[in-house]
Amino acid sequence: MHRFTKYLLLITVVLSSCNSQKKIAYMQDIGETSKLTKIPEVPEISIQPQDMLSIVVSSKEPELALPFNLPVISYQGVGESYVSGLQQRLLAYTVNREGDIDFPVLGILHVKGLTRNQLEKLVKERIISEGYIKDPTVTIQYMNFRVTVNGEVARPGTYEIKGDHITLFEALSMAGDLTIYGRRDNVKVVREKNGERTAYQTDLRAANIFESPVYYLQQNDIIYVTPNRYRSNQTNNAGQVQQISLWVSIASFLASVAVLVFR
């Protein structure tokens, strides 16, 4: 009988372990040599209102490019307990609600919906065709490409992205990955584009995550990791305990008042 109990306990532990692994392991349906889909080209993000863009024009004759560039601001950087010295920062163009920027010399440019490469080509062609510079080089960068990660992750917050693309897994890694209480099968991504807000639900446990429209994130995406039932119950229980404590305190206060009155 004692041996049977040990076997039963072992089977229970093994089954529990398998069940836990199914809940937390990523990409479970990938075998040792599974061939996934062909890697597509990284989709270029398009410029949207409120985006901040750094646009730098350069030339073999630097003086010709000066009128096309915003000034560089020098400012005093301050550390925790000391002055770190002068630092420089490029000013940026903010895309207005209509999707336009006011560019030096060239005037108003409609940039909404263009990719970074398309805008570089547009500015370069305008400068050449209007006879300003024969050999301009145009470099554009996003200055406010950020994503927000909330919910059951180790370090929720908003993260600045260098470059113009990042994957969902990279963003979650920046936030310290999911906690043990985060649901791998219910990670939501909220995206705003062209005046519309769309929510996507993804399952990190499935290999088709690579085919999701939110595998590659876009500027200002919001990622939310849903808590599992255990975490939700913890929150509910904590609220109930606080409520009970409040009523106990009120009852104790009323009892003290009653004792003083009857005395």
Foldseek 3Di string as FASTA:
>chain_A
DVVVVVVVVVVVVVVVVVVLCLFPPFAQVADPDDDDDDQDDDDFDADAAFWWKAKAKADPPRVLRVQQADDKDWDWDADPDGTPGIDIDGHTFGQHNQQWTQTGPVGIDRRGGHGQVRVQVVVVVVCCVVPSGPDMGMDMDTPQQKEFEDEQAQAGDIDGDGGFKDFPVRVSVVRRHGDSFFGQQFKKKWDDDPNDIDIDGHHRRHPCCSVDPRRIPGGHIYIYTYGHPVVVVVVVVVVVVVVVVVVVVVVVVVVVVVVVVVD
